[in-house]
Protein backbone atom coordinates (compact mmCIF):
# COMPACT_ATOMS: atom_id res chain seq x y z
CA UNK A 1 0.06 -0.02 0.03
CA UNK A 2 1.48 3.32 -1.07
CA UNK A 3 1.93 6.49 1.23
CA UNK A 4 -1.03 8.22 -0.44
CA UNK A 5 -3.48 5.50 0.39
CA UNK A 6 -2.10 5.06 3.91
CA UNK A 7 -2.34 8.89 4.49
CA UNK A 8 -5.93 8.90 3.25
CA UNK A 9 -6.86 6.10 5.65
CA UNK A 10 -4.95 7.81 8.49
CA UNK A 11 -6.80 11.03 7.97
CA UNK A 12 -10.20 9.36 7.54
CA UNK A 13 -9.66 7.20 10.66
CA UNK A 14 -8.74 10.26 12.70
CA UNK A 15 -11.94 12.04 11.64
CA UNK A 16 -14.14 9.04 12.39
CA UNK A 17 -12.66 8.67 15.93
CA UNK A 18 -12.96 12.40 16.66
CA UNK A 19 -16.59 12.68 15.42
CA UNK A 20 -17.43 9.60 17.46
CA UNK A 21 -17.11 11.80 20.56
CA UNK A 22 -13.83 10.11 21.75
CA UNK A 23 -11.61 12.54 23.66
CA UNK A 24 -9.02 14.15 21.34
CA UNK A 25 -6.06 12.61 23.15
CA UNK A 26 -7.44 9.08 22.98
CA UNK A 27 -8.48 9.50 19.37
CA UNK A 28 -5.02 10.64 18.28
CA UNK A 29 -3.29 7.90 20.41
CA UNK A 30 -5.61 5.08 19.26
CA UNK A 31 -5.17 5.81 15.56
CA UNK A 32 -1.41 6.23 15.95
CA UNK A 33 -1.13 2.89 17.77
CA UNK A 34 -3.42 1.12 15.23
CA UNK A 35 -1.32 2.26 12.30
CA UNK A 36 1.89 1.36 14.13
CA UNK A 37 0.54 -2.15 14.52
CA UNK A 38 -0.69 -2.43 10.88
CA UNK A 39 2.21 -0.69 8.98
CA UNK A 40 5.23 -0.43 11.11
CA UNK A 41 7.66 -3.21 12.38
CA UNK A 42 6.31 -5.33 15.21
CA UNK A 43 8.88 -3.87 17.58
CA UNK A 44 7.56 -0.40 17.08
CA UNK A 45 4.62 -1.00 19.63
CA UNK A 46 7.24 -1.75 22.32
CA UNK A 47 8.58 1.76 21.91
CA UNK A 48 5.29 3.73 22.25
CA UNK A 49 6.09 5.08 25.77
CA UNK A 50 9.66 5.73 24.85
CA UNK A 51 8.58 7.68 21.73
CA UNK A 52 6.06 9.68 23.77
CA UNK A 53 8.55 10.40 26.50
CA UNK A 54 11.38 11.45 24.08
CA UNK A 55 9.00 13.76 22.17
CA UNK A 56 7.79 15.42 25.50
CA UNK A 57 11.29 15.59 26.98
CA UNK A 58 11.57 19.27 26.05
CA UNK A 59 12.65 21.91 28.52
CA UNK A 60 10.35 24.36 26.77
CA UNK A 61 7.24 22.08 27.42
CA UNK A 62 8.09 22.16 31.07
CA UNK A 63 7.00 25.87 31.12
CA UNK A 64 3.40 24.88 30.28
CA UNK A 65 2.26 23.50 33.67
CA UNK A 66 4.06 26.40 35.38
CA UNK A 67 2.30 29.02 33.26
CA UNK A 68 -0.97 27.19 33.93
CA UNK A 69 -0.22 27.50 37.73
CA UNK A 70 0.31 31.15 37.33
CA UNK A 71 -2.89 31.60 35.37
CA UNK A 72 -4.90 29.50 37.89
CA UNK A 73 -3.69 31.50 40.80
CA UNK A 74 -4.79 34.70 39.07
CA UNK A 75 -7.90 33.37 37.58
CA UNK A 76 -9.17 31.79 40.85
CA UNK A 77 -8.84 35.09 42.77
CA UNK A 78 -10.63 38.43 42.46
CA UNK A 79 -7.78 39.79 40.38
CA UNK A 80 -9.87 39.79 37.16
CA UNK A 81 -12.74 41.70 38.82
CA UNK A 82 -10.43 44.23 40.36
CA UNK A 83 -8.58 44.77 37.18
CA UNK A 84 -11.74 45.39 35.32
CA UNK A 85 -13.17 47.74 37.93
CA UNK A 86 -9.95 49.83 38.05
CA UNK A 87 -9.83 50.21 34.27
CA UNK A 88 -13.49 51.10 34.10
CA UNK A 89 -13.07 53.83 36.75
CA UNK A 90 -10.23 55.41 34.83
CA UNK A 91 -11.96 55.22 31.37
CA UNK A 92 -15.57 55.82 32.19
CA UNK A 93 -15.64 59.29 30.49
CA UNK A 94 -14.49 57.91 27.11
CA UNK A 95 -17.38 57.13 24.73
CA UNK A 96 -17.95 53.39 25.07
CA UNK A 97 -15.42 53.45 27.98
CA UNK A 98 -17.01 50.50 29.67
CA UNK A 99 -16.67 48.27 26.56
CA UNK A 100 -13.12 49.54 25.97
CA UNK A 101 -12.30 48.89 29.62
CA UNK A 102 -13.42 45.25 29.13
CA UNK A 103 -11.17 44.92 26.07
CA UNK A 104 -8.12 46.33 27.96
CA UNK A 105 -8.93 44.12 31.04
CA UNK A 106 -9.16 41.04 28.89
CA UNK A 107 -5.78 41.96 27.24
CA UNK A 108 -4.05 42.47 30.53
CA UNK A 109 -5.63 39.45 32.24
CA UNK A 110 -4.88 37.27 29.12
CA UNK A 111 -1.24 38.39 29.32
CA UNK A 112 -1.11 37.45 32.97
CA UNK A 113 -3.10 34.19 32.85
CA UNK A 114 -2.20 33.01 29.33
CA UNK A 115 -5.61 31.22 28.94
CA UNK A 116 -8.60 32.28 26.74
CA UNK A 117 -11.27 30.36 28.65
CA UNK A 118 -9.95 31.72 31.98
CA UNK A 119 -9.97 35.27 30.70
CA UNK A 120 -13.53 34.95 29.40
CA UNK A 121 -14.70 33.60 32.71
CA UNK A 122 -12.79 35.99 35.02
CA UNK A 123 -13.58 39.23 33.15
CA UNK A 124 -16.96 38.11 31.75
CA UNK A 125 -18.39 37.32 35.12
CA UNK A 126 -17.85 40.87 36.25
CA UNK A 127 -17.94 42.67 32.91
CA UNK A 128 -21.09 41.31 31.24
CA UNK A 129 -23.51 42.06 34.05
CA UNK A 130 -22.03 45.61 34.34
CA UNK A 131 -22.29 46.27 30.58
CA UNK A 132 -25.86 45.02 30.52
CA UNK A 133 -26.80 47.00 33.58
CA UNK A 134 -25.58 50.14 31.64
CA UNK A 135 -27.54 49.44 28.57
CA UNK A 136 -25.20 47.54 26.41
CA UNK A 137 -26.93 44.95 24.12
CA UNK A 138 -26.53 41.39 25.48
CA UNK A 139 -24.89 40.15 22.29
CA UNK A 140 -22.50 43.13 22.08
CA UNK A 141 -21.43 42.60 25.64
CA UNK A 142 -20.91 38.88 25.06
CA UNK A 143 -19.00 39.51 21.83
CA UNK A 144 -16.58 42.02 23.58
CA UNK A 145 -15.72 39.40 26.27
CA UNK A 146 -15.51 36.43 23.88
CA UNK A 147 -13.26 38.30 21.42
CA UNK A 148 -11.02 39.81 24.30
CA UNK A 149 -10.58 36.33 25.72
CA UNK A 150 -8.98 35.09 22.49
CA UNK A 151 -6.04 37.41 23.20
CA UNK A 152 -4.87 34.86 25.68
CA UNK A 153 -3.29 32.69 23.07
CA UNK A 154 -1.51 35.61 21.29
CA UNK A 155 -0.12 37.68 24.07
CA UNK A 156 2.83 36.21 25.86
CA UNK A 157 3.01 33.92 27.80
CA UNK A 158 1.01 31.78 25.39
CA UNK A 159 0.84 28.05 25.61
CA UNK A 160 -0.14 27.79 21.97
CA UNK A 161 2.97 29.76 20.96
CA UNK A 162 5.08 27.48 23.19
CA UNK A 163 3.81 24.50 21.23
CA UNK A 164 4.36 26.20 17.87
CA UNK A 165 7.95 27.12 18.86
CA UNK A 166 8.56 23.40 19.66
CA UNK A 167 6.82 22.12 16.54
CA UNK A 168 8.53 24.63 14.19
CA UNK A 169 11.87 24.53 16.03
CA UNK A 170 11.81 28.35 16.46
CA UNK A 171 12.98 30.59 19.21
CA UNK A 172 10.29 30.95 21.86
CA UNK A 173 11.49 34.31 22.99
CA UNK A 174 11.40 35.65 19.42
CA UNK A 175 7.85 34.24 18.98
CA UNK A 176 6.59 35.70 22.18
CA UNK A 177 7.87 39.14 21.13
CA UNK A 178 6.35 38.78 17.66
CA UNK A 179 2.95 38.38 19.24
CA UNK A 180 3.04 41.70 21.07
CA UNK A 181 2.60 43.98 18.13
CA UNK A 182 -0.35 42.03 16.57
CA UNK A 183 -1.84 41.58 19.96
CA UNK A 184 -1.81 45.44 20.59
CA UNK A 185 -3.29 45.88 17.07
CA UNK A 186 -6.14 43.56 17.84
CA UNK A 187 -6.73 45.42 21.20
CA UNK A 188 -6.96 48.68 19.34
CA UNK A 189 -9.24 47.21 16.66
CA UNK A 190 -11.55 45.69 19.29
CA UNK A 191 -11.61 48.96 21.41
CA UNK A 192 -12.27 51.03 18.27
CA UNK A 193 -15.18 48.96 17.26
CA UNK A 194 -16.56 48.97 20.85
CA UNK A 195 -16.42 52.69 20.93
CA UNK A 196 -18.04 53.05 17.49
CA UNK A 197 -20.84 50.56 18.31
CA UNK A 198 -21.54 52.23 21.70
CA UNK A 199 -21.81 55.64 20.08
CA UNK A 200 -24.22 54.28 17.46
CA UNK A 201 -26.39 52.57 20.12
CA UNK A 202 -26.17 55.66 22.31
CA UNK A 203 -27.50 57.89 19.48
CA UNK A 204 -30.33 55.40 18.84
CA UNK A 205 -31.27 55.26 22.51
CA UNK A 206 -31.15 59.14 22.73
CA UNK A 207 -33.48 59.37 19.70
CA UNK A 208 -35.90 56.98 21.21
CA UNK A 209 -35.85 58.77 24.56
CA UNK A 210 -36.33 62.24 23.00
CA UNK A 211 -39.28 60.80 21.05
CA UNK A 212 -41.01 59.96 24.31
CA UNK A 213 -39.75 56.36 24.66
CA UNK A 214 -38.15 54.58 27.63
CA UNK A 215 -34.77 55.99 28.77
CA UNK A 216 -31.98 53.41 28.13
CA UNK A 217 -29.56 52.76 30.93
CA UNK A 218 -26.71 53.69 28.55
CA UNK A 219 -27.88 57.32 28.79
CA UNK A 220 -27.12 57.50 32.62
CA UNK A 221 -23.96 59.36 33.63
CA UNK A 222 -21.39 57.83 35.95
CA UNK A 223 -19.08 59.68 38.26
CA UNK A 224 -15.79 58.55 39.95
CA UNK A 225 -13.75 60.76 42.08
CA UNK A 226 -9.97 60.83 42.05
CA UNK A 227 -10.09 59.23 45.39
CA UNK A 228 -12.28 56.39 44.11
CA UNK A 229 -9.89 55.89 41.25
CA UNK A 230 -6.77 55.94 43.44
CA UNK A 231 -8.32 53.49 46.02
CA UNK A 232 -8.55 50.83 43.21
CA UNK A 233 -4.90 50.86 42.19
CA UNK A 234 -3.19 49.06 45.12
CA UNK A 235 -4.83 45.69 44.30
CA UNK A 236 -4.13 46.00 40.51
CA UNK A 237 -0.59 47.36 40.33
CA UNK A 238 1.13 44.32 41.94
CA UNK A 239 -0.20 42.10 39.12
CA UNK A 240 0.94 44.56 36.44
CA UNK A 241 4.32 44.70 38.08
CA UNK A 242 4.30 40.79 38.03
CA UNK A 243 3.51 40.87 34.33
CA UNK A 244 6.25 43.39 33.57
CA UNK A 245 8.75 41.50 35.85
CA UNK A 246 8.18 38.16 34.04
CA UNK A 247 8.77 39.81 30.67
CA UNK A 248 11.85 41.60 31.87
CA UNK A 249 13.22 38.33 33.34
CA UNK A 250 12.58 36.48 30.01
CA UNK A 251 13.74 39.08 27.47
CA UNK A 252 16.49 40.50 29.71
CA UNK A 253 18.23 37.14 29.53
CA UNK A 254 17.88 36.71 33.31
CA UNK A 255 15.99 33.49 33.05
CA UNK A 256 14.96 30.78 30.59
CA UNK A 257 11.26 30.35 29.68
CA UNK A 258 10.83 27.51 32.19
CA UNK A 259 12.49 29.46 34.93
CA UNK A 260 10.47 32.54 34.11
CA UNK A 261 7.27 30.42 34.22
CA UNK A 262 8.28 28.99 37.61
CA UNK A 263 9.04 32.49 38.95
CA UNK A 264 5.73 33.75 37.69
CA UNK A 265 3.78 30.94 39.27
CA UNK A 266 5.33 31.33 42.70
CA UNK A 267 4.96 35.20 42.65
CA UNK A 268 1.33 34.86 41.55
CA UNK A 269 0.64 32.56 44.54
CA UNK A 270 2.48 34.92 46.75
CA UNK A 271 0.56 37.96 45.48
CA UNK A 272 -2.87 36.38 46.07
CA UNK A 273 -1.83 35.32 49.43
CA UNK A 274 -0.82 38.88 50.42
CA UNK A 275 -3.63 40.75 48.57
CA UNK A 276 -6.48 38.44 48.81
CA UNK A 277 -5.51 36.36 51.88
CA UNK A 278 -5.58 33.20 49.81
CA UNK A 279 -3.17 31.00 51.79
CA UNK A 280 -5.03 28.36 53.70
CA UNK A 281 -4.79 24.79 52.28
CA UNK A 282 -8.58 24.80 51.67
CA UNK A 283 -8.19 28.03 49.58
CA UNK A 284 -5.09 26.88 47.69
CA UNK A 285 -6.39 23.47 46.93
CA UNK A 286 -8.84 24.50 44.12
CA UNK A 287 -5.85 26.37 42.43
CA UNK A 288 -3.59 23.31 42.56
CA UNK A 289 -6.39 20.98 41.57
CA UNK A 290 -7.31 23.20 38.52
CA UNK A 291 -3.56 23.36 37.54
CA UNK A 292 -3.12 19.60 37.86
CA UNK A 293 -6.29 18.79 35.90
CA UNK A 294 -5.66 21.23 33.06
CA UNK A 295 -1.94 20.33 32.89
CA UNK A 296 -2.66 16.66 32.79
CA UNK A 297 -5.23 17.06 30.05
CA UNK A 298 -3.01 19.31 27.95
CA UNK A 299 0.18 17.29 28.35
CA UNK A 300 -1.72 14.10 27.48
CA UNK A 301 -3.10 15.74 24.31
CA UNK A 302 0.46 16.99 23.49
CA UNK A 303 1.96 13.53 24.05
CA UNK A 304 -0.50 11.74 21.95
CA UNK A 305 -0.28 14.47 19.23
CA UNK A 306 3.47 14.10 19.14
CA UNK A 307 3.13 10.26 18.75
CA UNK A 308 0.53 10.89 15.99
CA UNK A 309 2.98 13.16 14.20
CA UNK A 310 5.78 10.67 14.72
CA UNK A 311 3.82 7.91 13.02
CA UNK A 312 2.91 10.36 10.12
CA UNK A 313 6.54 10.99 9.69
CA UNK A 314 7.68 7.37 9.83
CA UNK A 315 5.01 6.32 7.28
CA UNK A 316 6.07 9.29 5.06
CA UNK A 317 2.47 10.72 5.21
CA UNK A 318 3.61 14.17 6.28
CA UNK A 319 6.54 14.25 3.91
CA UNK A 320 4.26 13.02 1.03
CA UNK A 321 1.57 15.65 1.75
CA UNK A 322 4.21 18.41 1.92
CA UNK A 323 5.69 17.24 -1.37
CA UNK A 324 2.25 17.13 -3.03
CA UNK A 325 1.50 20.72 -1.73
CA UNK A 326 4.93 21.87 -3.09
CA UNK A 327 4.29 19.99 -6.42
CA UNK A 328 1.04 21.91 -7.02
CA UNK A 329 3.39 24.86 -7.65
CA UNK A 330 1.00 27.46 -6.16
CA UNK A 331 2.08 31.05 -5.94
CA UNK A 332 3.33 31.72 -2.36
CA UNK A 333 0.32 33.78 -1.34
CA UNK A 334 -2.17 31.34 -2.84
CA UNK A 335 -0.36 28.64 -0.80
CA UNK A 336 -0.67 30.69 2.33
CA UNK A 337 -4.35 31.39 1.75
CA UNK A 338 -5.08 27.73 1.21
CA UNK A 339 -3.13 26.73 4.36
CA UNK A 340 -4.88 29.39 6.49
CA UNK A 341 -8.25 28.31 5.12
CA UNK A 342 -7.44 24.76 6.07
CA UNK A 343 -6.51 25.92 9.59
CA UNK A 344 -9.80 27.87 9.90
CA UNK A 345 -11.86 24.84 8.93
CA UNK A 346 -9.87 22.66 11.52
CA UNK A 347 -10.50 25.46 14.12
CA UNK A 348 -14.31 24.71 13.82
CA UNK A 349 -13.74 21.35 15.42
CA UNK A 350 -10.29 21.20 17.17
CA UNK A 351 -8.46 23.21 19.83
CA UNK A 352 -5.38 25.13 18.76
CA UNK A 353 -3.03 22.71 20.54
CA UNK A 354 -4.12 19.84 18.36
CA UNK A 355 -4.19 21.92 15.22
CA UNK A 356 -0.56 22.89 15.69
CA UNK A 357 0.74 19.50 16.46
CA UNK A 358 -1.14 17.73 13.81
CA UNK A 359 -0.60 20.04 10.98
CA UNK A 360 2.97 21.39 11.63
CA UNK A 361 4.73 18.42 9.88
CA UNK A 362 2.63 19.02 6.74
CA UNK A 363 2.30 22.72 6.37
CA UNK A 364 5.64 24.07 7.66
CA UNK A 365 7.97 22.56 5.07
CA UNK A 366 6.05 24.09 2.04
CA UNK A 367 5.87 27.45 3.77
CA UNK A 368 9.55 27.38 4.52
CA UNK A 369 10.26 26.41 0.98
CA UNK A 370 8.15 29.22 -0.29
CA UNK A 371 10.35 31.65 1.71
CA UNK A 372 7.89 32.61 4.51
CA UNK A 373 9.32 33.58 7.95
CA UNK A 374 8.00 30.86 10.34
CA UNK A 375 8.02 33.26 13.34
CA UNK A 376 5.72 35.64 11.32
CA UNK A 377 3.55 32.68 10.18
CA UNK A 378 3.22 31.45 13.75
CA UNK A 379 1.62 34.71 14.78
CA UNK A 380 -0.60 34.66 11.60
CA UNK A 381 -1.71 31.11 12.43
CA UNK A 382 -2.40 32.03 16.08
CA UNK A 383 -4.74 34.79 14.99
CA UNK A 384 -6.55 32.45 12.55
CA UNK A 385 -6.89 29.94 15.44
CA UNK A 386 -8.26 32.78 17.58
CA UNK A 387 -11.14 33.05 14.97
CA UNK A 388 -11.83 29.33 15.69
CA UNK A 389 -12.28 30.03 19.42
CA UNK A 390 -15.18 32.45 18.71
CA UNK A 391 -16.47 31.05 15.35
CA UNK A 392 -19.55 28.72 15.18
CA UNK A 393 -20.24 25.84 15.22
CA UNK A 394 -17.83 24.93 18.02
CA UNK A 395 -16.14 28.17 19.18
CA UNK A 396 -14.95 27.26 22.79
CA UNK A 397 -15.25 30.87 24.02
CA UNK A 398 -18.83 31.01 22.90
CA UNK A 399 -19.77 28.23 25.27
CA UNK A 400 -17.69 29.77 28.07
CA UNK A 401 -19.81 32.90 27.67
CA UNK A 402 -22.97 30.88 27.69
CA UNK A 403 -21.83 29.36 31.03
CA UNK A 404 -21.03 32.89 32.48
CA UNK A 405 -24.28 34.46 31.07
CA UNK A 406 -26.76 31.61 30.42
CA UNK A 407 -29.76 33.86 29.83
CA UNK A 408 -28.17 35.38 26.69
CA UNK A 409 -29.53 33.44 23.70
CA UNK A 410 -26.82 31.61 21.79
CA UNK A 411 -27.93 33.36 18.56
CA UNK A 412 -27.20 36.78 20.21
CA UNK A 413 -23.78 35.55 21.30
CA UNK A 414 -22.94 34.29 17.86
CA UNK A 415 -24.07 37.56 16.12
CA UNK A 416 -22.24 39.51 18.76
CA UNK A 417 -18.93 37.88 17.96
CA UNK A 418 -19.13 37.99 14.18
CA UNK A 419 -17.87 41.61 13.85
CA UNK A 420 -14.84 40.61 15.90
CA UNK A 421 -14.17 37.74 13.60
CA UNK A 422 -14.22 40.24 10.73
CA UNK A 423 -11.77 42.42 12.62
CA UNK A 424 -9.44 39.49 13.09
CA UNK A 425 -9.65 38.88 9.35
CA UNK A 426 -8.59 42.52 8.84
CA UNK A 427 -5.65 41.92 11.20
CA UNK A 428 -4.49 38.93 9.09
CA UNK A 429 -4.63 41.13 5.89
CA UNK A 430 -2.64 43.96 7.65
CA UNK A 431 -0.03 41.45 8.86
CA UNK A 432 0.33 40.07 5.29
CA UNK A 433 0.74 43.70 3.95
CA UNK A 434 2.95 44.91 6.80
CA UNK A 435 4.84 41.90 8.30
CA UNK A 436 6.91 44.34 10.36
CA UNK A 437 3.94 44.51 12.78
CA UNK A 438 5.05 41.17 13.98
CA UNK A 439 8.76 41.01 13.09
CA UNK A 440 10.04 44.42 14.06
CA UNK A 441 10.08 43.99 17.85
CA UNK A 442 11.90 40.68 17.93
CA UNK A 443 14.35 42.05 15.37
CA UNK A 444 14.92 45.13 17.46
CA UNK A 445 15.36 43.15 20.70
CA UNK A 446 17.07 40.07 19.52
CA UNK A 447 18.55 40.99 16.28
CA UNK A 448 17.40 40.33 12.69
CA UNK A 449 17.25 36.91 11.17
CA UNK A 450 17.78 35.81 7.56
CA UNK A 451 14.24 34.52 7.29
CA UNK A 452 12.65 37.63 6.07
C-alpha cells in the first residue's frame, strides 16, 4: 500500500474517531497505535512509551504547567474583577469606555493568565453584568468578552505559542515578542469597534428617549472621584508589576522560559496570599487541583499528538503531503491562503493545541520552501486559530460565555462575536501587507534573522 493510500486512511480514521465523541487525546493515540501495529515493524509497539517520553522531554514544554499554575492563581482570585473595575473607573468618560475597559482588562488578564477560557470567565463574570446594567446589548457585551478572551493565546506567555515554537523549532522568546505588536493591534481594533458601536447605540437610545420612549440605561452618567480611582490601584498594580517582571526576566536574559514560568507561578501565589488572603490549604487546593487537571489534560493531548506526528513522519504521510503541496506549484500567497483556510476549517472542530501538532509536519515545510518567515507565520496562524475560538459551530469561548451568562441566547452571542471575527480577518490582511507589525520588535530586541 502506497503512502498516499495510507495517508488517506490515516486522515479518515482520525476524523471518524474524533466525530465519534472520543476525547481528542485518546482518538489521536488510538489511531497512531493502530497504524503502528498495521504498517510499522512489530517492535515499534514496544517503543510507544519511549517515543512519547522522548517527544515530550523538552525543557520548553516544562514551562506549560508552570504558566498554567500562574494563570490558575490569578484566575481563581478576584484579580480579574479588580482589574476590570480599576480600568473602568479610569476610562468611564471615554465614549464606550466600559466596553473599551473590558477589552483592555481582557488583554491584561490574558497576558497574565495565558488562557482564553480563564480570561472569558474571570472578566466576563464581572464585565457582562456591568455592561448589561448600563444598557449595552447582550450580544454586544458577550462579543466583547469572547473576542477579548482570545487574546490569551496571542499575548505572551501563550501556551499555544510555546507549542508552535517546539513544533517549528523556532525561538520561543522571538515568537513571544512577535505576538506583542499584533496583539496590541487587535486590542486597538476591538476597542475602536466597541467605541463606534456604543456611540451608534447611544445615538439610537437618545433618539428613542427624546421621542417619548423609555430611557435606556446607557444614557445615565457615572462619576468617579480621584479618590475612588486611586483607591482601586493598590490591588491591581502588583499584578501589572508581576507581568512586567516576568517579561523583563525572560527578555532581559535573566531566566529561561521555564525558569520564568516557575518564577511567575510562585509570585502569583505569593501575591494572592498577600492581597486576597488566599493562603489556607482549603483555599489553595482549588488552584492546585485546577492546575493539575488542566496540565494533565493538555500534556496528554500533547503527548498523543506528538506520537501521532511521529507515525505520520515514519510512514512518510507528512513528507508526502508536503511534497504534494509543493508539487502543485501554487504562488506563495495562494499557498498561504489555502493553508490558512485549512486551519480555519480545523478550528471549527479542534482546539489550537491539536491543530498545531497535527498540521505542523505537513504545512511548515512548504511554507519554509516558499520563503515565509515561520515566526511571522506562527503569529498569523495564532490569529486564525483565535477566530476558531469564537467562530461557530464549536467556538470554545462562545460556550464559556454561555456558562457565564446563560440567559443570553446563543444566537445573540454568535451575532455579537461575528464583527470581531471580521476584525481578526482585517488583522490577518494587515499582517500580510505589513509583516513588520510582528517582526520589528523581535528584530529590534534579539537582532534580525535571515528568514525575512
